[in-house]
Structure formats: C-alpha cells, structure tokens
Amino acid sequence: MFGGAFDPPHLAHRALAAAALAQLQLDALHVLPTGRAWHKSRPLTDAAHRLAMSRLTFEDLGPVVLDDREIRRDGPSYTLDTLRELRAEHPQADLFLVMGKDQADVLPTWRNWQEIVALATICVADRDVLTGQETRFVPPPEMAGRFRKIEMPAMDISATGIRARVAGGQGIAPLVSPAVARYIEQNHLYQST
C-alpha cells in the first residue's frame, strides 16, 4: 500500500509508485488518499479532488488499485487500520508499506508502529541523495529484516511547494502531470483568496 494526503499528487509520488511496482514485483499497489489525517495540522483539500487527482496520476501505471477506504472511514485515518483490513482481505499475501524517507523518520510516532512493522514490510524510498541526510530512524536490530530500500532518482518536489506555487501564480507543469495541472486550474485549487 502507498498512502498519503496526495494534496496534490505529484511526479515524485508517481516515480515512487512506479519504482515500488518494479523493484518489489508487486501484484497490486493500493494507492490510498488519506481521509482525516491525524498528523496534519492544516485541513486537507476535499477528498473528492484528491481522489480525482490521484486517479489522473496513478491510473496508467499498471496494477494500481485506487483505494478510497480511508476517505470513506469515519474518524482519523490510521495506517494500522488499513493494514489490518488488507490482511483480512488477503490473508496469504505479503504486505508492503511504501513510504518516503520523511515518513520513515517519524514512523515511531505512528499509532502502534510495531504492529505496522509486524503486518507489512516497510519499503522506504532512498532519497538521501536529495536531502544529504541519513535516515534518522534506525529500526531495532530485531526489526531490521522488515525494512527494504526502494531506489529512485532524487526529485526535489513537495506538495507544499506546489500549493505555494499555485497560490503565487507560478506554473507547476514540471512538478505534476499535465492532467493534474489542468485539474487544479479548472477547479481553482490552492489559489490564494
């Protein structure tokens, strides 16, 4: 599974999904826009917009399942709940949780993170080249085998930066797919009021 706010989904998200599909040889990759994110201090863009932009970003990558369960879930979205549901739906599957280094660094702050590691192999995008920093979180030795690295090119793209560019009237064409750029423009998303 690959979850996130996807507010908006950008080309680094797409590159990570493609790298995970190829390097992990996944049968399916569930892309899950978050519902009510417990860890976000700002309100997210309406879920229908984030879901539509995610469809435009990921739908042609092959075995991608655009999964809206976290959006439909009442209350805060927790990765643990989603992994438990996926485990129940696919009891024989090997589960992988795909994330960027920034999320891996804060994994110990997640709800019942040890159970998350028990349920899924944690697959972390190697973006140290971009940041010049080593990963801050080092798993305990008994969990080391539950972590894998995903190699991907360094991409200096963030959703925060994209929202700021749109609010400032700057172009975002090299940061998101053309379809997402059109969607943002047509729906007047991220514009300053």
Protein backbone atom coordinates (compact mmCIF):
# COMPACT_ATOMS: atom_id res chain seq x y z
CA MET A 1 0.00 0.00 0.00
CA PHE A 2 1.06 3.56 -0.69
CA GLY A 3 -0.86 6.13 1.29
CA GLY A 4 -0.65 9.87 1.55
CA ALA A 5 -2.55 13.11 1.53
CA PHE A 6 -1.84 13.47 -2.21
CA ASP A 7 -2.69 17.16 -1.88
CA PRO A 8 -1.79 17.23 -4.74
CA PRO A 9 -0.20 14.02 -6.01
CA HIS A 10 2.99 14.91 -7.90
CA LEU A 11 5.60 13.33 -10.12
CA ALA A 12 7.76 12.18 -7.19
CA HIS A 13 4.73 10.27 -5.85
CA ARG A 14 4.30 8.70 -9.28
CA ALA A 15 8.00 7.84 -9.52
CA LEU A 16 7.88 6.16 -6.11
CA ALA A 17 4.82 4.12 -7.08
CA ALA A 18 6.48 3.04 -10.34
CA ALA A 19 9.72 2.15 -8.54
CA ALA A 20 7.82 0.12 -5.94
CA LEU A 21 5.89 -1.79 -8.60
CA ALA A 22 9.08 -2.63 -10.48
CA GLN A 23 11.50 -3.30 -7.62
CA LEU A 24 9.12 -5.17 -5.32
CA GLN A 25 7.43 -7.03 -8.19
CA LEU A 26 4.02 -6.27 -6.73
CA ASP A 27 0.84 -7.95 -7.93
CA ALA A 28 -1.06 -4.80 -6.95
CA LEU A 29 -0.32 -1.44 -5.36
CA HIS A 30 -3.16 0.07 -3.34
CA VAL A 31 -2.89 3.86 -3.56
CA LEU A 32 -4.78 5.29 -0.60
CA PRO A 33 -5.52 9.01 -0.30
CA THR A 34 -5.88 9.62 3.43
CA GLY A 35 -9.18 10.53 4.97
CA ARG A 36 -8.90 12.69 8.06
CA ALA A 37 -5.16 12.73 8.71
CA TRP A 38 -4.44 12.63 12.43
CA HIS A 39 -0.99 14.18 11.97
CA LYS A 40 -1.84 17.09 9.64
CA SER A 41 -2.29 20.49 11.28
CA ARG A 42 -3.87 22.03 8.18
CA PRO A 43 -7.18 20.96 6.65
CA LEU A 44 -6.79 18.83 3.55
CA THR A 45 -8.35 19.65 0.21
CA ASP A 46 -11.71 17.95 -0.28
CA ALA A 47 -11.28 14.19 -0.61
CA ALA A 48 -13.13 14.05 -3.94
CA HIS A 49 -10.50 16.35 -5.51
CA ARG A 50 -7.57 14.41 -4.05
CA LEU A 51 -9.09 11.13 -5.24
CA ALA A 52 -9.66 12.52 -8.75
CA MET A 53 -6.09 13.86 -8.96
CA SER A 54 -4.74 10.54 -7.69
CA ARG A 55 -6.65 8.73 -10.42
CA LEU A 56 -5.08 11.05 -13.02
CA THR A 57 -1.60 10.50 -11.54
CA PHE A 58 -1.53 6.74 -10.98
CA GLU A 59 -4.20 5.06 -13.13
CA ASP A 60 -1.94 4.13 -16.05
CA LEU A 61 0.88 2.57 -14.00
CA GLY A 62 -0.39 -0.98 -14.31
CA PRO A 63 -1.62 -2.95 -11.32
CA VAL A 64 -2.63 0.09 -9.27
CA VAL A 65 -5.80 -0.07 -7.19
CA LEU A 66 -7.07 3.38 -6.29
CA ASP A 67 -8.44 2.58 -2.86
CA ASP A 68 -10.79 5.07 -1.20
CA ARG A 69 -11.34 3.18 2.08
CA GLU A 70 -9.56 5.78 4.22
CA ILE A 71 -11.67 8.56 2.73
CA ARG A 72 -14.84 6.60 3.47
CA ARG A 73 -13.75 5.74 7.02
CA ASP A 74 -15.21 7.82 9.86
CA GLY A 75 -12.75 9.47 12.19
CA PRO A 76 -8.99 9.77 11.81
CA SER A 77 -7.12 7.69 9.24
CA TYR A 78 -4.61 5.27 10.70
CA THR A 79 -2.31 3.12 8.58
CA LEU A 80 -2.67 0.32 11.11
CA ASP A 81 -6.43 0.05 10.50
CA THR A 82 -5.90 -0.13 6.75
CA LEU A 83 -3.20 -2.80 7.07
CA ARG A 84 -5.46 -4.87 9.32
CA GLU A 85 -8.24 -4.64 6.72
CA LEU A 86 -5.90 -5.59 3.88
CA ARG A 87 -4.57 -8.53 5.93
CA ALA A 88 -8.14 -9.75 6.49
CA GLU A 89 -8.95 -9.38 2.78
CA HIS A 90 -5.71 -11.02 1.60
CA PRO A 91 -4.63 -13.41 4.38
CA GLN A 92 -1.96 -15.15 2.25
CA ALA A 93 -0.42 -12.00 0.74
CA ASP A 94 2.90 -10.46 1.66
CA LEU A 95 2.05 -6.87 2.53
CA PHE A 96 4.38 -3.98 1.75
CA LEU A 97 4.01 -0.43 3.03
CA VAL A 98 5.65 2.07 0.66
CA MET A 99 6.78 5.43 2.01
CA GLY A 100 9.30 8.20 1.62
CA LYS A 101 12.21 8.73 3.97
CA ASP A 102 10.40 11.61 5.68
CA GLN A 103 7.64 9.25 6.78
CA ALA A 104 10.09 6.52 7.78
CA ASP A 105 11.83 9.00 10.06
CA VAL A 106 8.61 9.60 12.02
CA LEU A 107 7.33 6.02 11.94
CA PRO A 108 7.86 5.58 15.72
CA THR A 109 5.24 8.31 16.28
CA TRP A 110 2.58 6.34 14.40
CA ARG A 111 -0.17 4.53 16.25
CA ASN A 112 1.10 1.03 17.23
CA TRP A 113 4.01 1.28 14.83
CA GLN A 114 5.46 -2.05 15.96
CA GLU A 115 2.29 -3.81 14.79
CA ILE A 116 2.55 -1.98 11.46
CA VAL A 117 6.06 -3.39 11.07
CA ALA A 118 4.78 -6.85 12.01
CA LEU A 119 2.00 -6.68 9.41
CA ALA A 120 3.98 -5.26 6.49
CA THR A 121 7.49 -4.93 5.16
CA ILE A 122 8.32 -1.22 5.29
CA CYS A 123 9.70 -0.10 1.92
CA VAL A 124 11.43 3.26 2.07
CA ALA A 125 12.38 5.43 -0.89
CA ASP A 126 16.08 6.18 -0.84
CA ARG A 127 16.14 9.95 -1.11
CA ASP A 128 19.31 10.54 0.92
CA VAL A 129 20.95 11.84 -2.26
CA LEU A 130 18.37 14.63 -2.35
CA THR A 131 18.48 15.65 1.29
CA GLY A 132 22.10 14.87 2.02
CA GLN A 133 20.90 13.42 5.33
CA GLU A 134 20.96 9.93 6.67
CA THR A 135 17.68 8.44 7.82
CA ARG A 136 17.12 9.50 11.43
CA PHE A 137 15.11 6.43 12.42
CA VAL A 138 17.08 3.22 12.61
CA PRO A 139 14.93 0.17 13.32
CA PRO A 140 15.85 -2.03 16.26
CA PRO A 141 18.00 -5.00 15.18
CA GLU A 142 15.14 -7.48 15.63
CA MET A 143 13.08 -5.48 13.08
CA ALA A 144 15.83 -4.77 10.54
CA GLY A 145 14.65 -7.56 8.23
CA ARG A 146 11.24 -5.89 7.98
CA PHE A 147 12.65 -2.85 6.15
CA ARG A 148 13.65 -2.56 2.50
CA LYS A 149 15.05 0.29 0.47
CA ILE A 150 13.49 1.43 -2.80
CA GLU A 151 15.93 3.09 -5.17
CA MET A 152 14.60 6.10 -7.03
CA PRO A 153 16.01 9.26 -8.55
CA ALA A 154 16.34 12.34 -6.39
CA MET A 155 13.33 14.58 -7.04
CA ASP A 156 13.04 17.91 -5.25
CA ILE A 157 9.23 18.08 -5.33
CA SER A 158 6.80 18.60 -2.48
CA ALA A 159 3.05 19.10 -2.32
CA THR A 160 3.64 22.07 0.00
CA GLY A 161 5.82 23.71 -2.64
CA ILE A 162 3.27 23.03 -5.37
CA ARG A 163 0.46 24.59 -3.34
CA ALA A 164 2.65 27.64 -2.69
CA ARG A 165 3.49 27.96 -6.38
CA VAL A 166 -0.18 27.85 -7.37
CA ALA A 167 -1.08 30.41 -4.68
CA GLY A 168 1.72 32.64 -6.01
CA GLY A 169 0.52 32.35 -9.60
CA GLN A 170 3.52 30.28 -10.72
CA GLY A 171 3.42 27.32 -13.08
CA ILE A 172 3.53 23.75 -11.84
CA ALA A 173 3.81 21.90 -15.16
CA PRO A 174 7.17 20.23 -14.42
CA LEU A 175 6.02 19.06 -10.98
CA VAL A 176 2.70 17.32 -11.66
CA SER A 177 1.25 15.54 -14.68
CA PRO A 178 -0.37 17.77 -17.32
CA ALA A 179 -3.76 16.27 -16.43
CA VAL A 180 -3.33 17.18 -12.75
CA ALA A 181 -2.16 20.70 -13.64
CA ARG A 182 -5.32 21.14 -15.74
CA TYR A 183 -7.48 19.71 -12.96
CA ILE A 184 -6.01 22.13 -10.40
CA GLU A 185 -6.57 25.07 -12.74
CA GLN A 186 -10.10 24.05 -13.74
CA ASN A 187 -11.16 23.52 -10.14
CA HIS A 188 -9.39 26.61 -8.78
CA LEU A 189 -7.50 24.60 -6.18
CA TYR A 190 -4.75 26.06 -3.98
CA GLN A 191 -5.33 29.62 -5.17
CA SER A 192 -4.90 32.36 -2.61
CA THR A 193 -8.15 34.00 -1.63
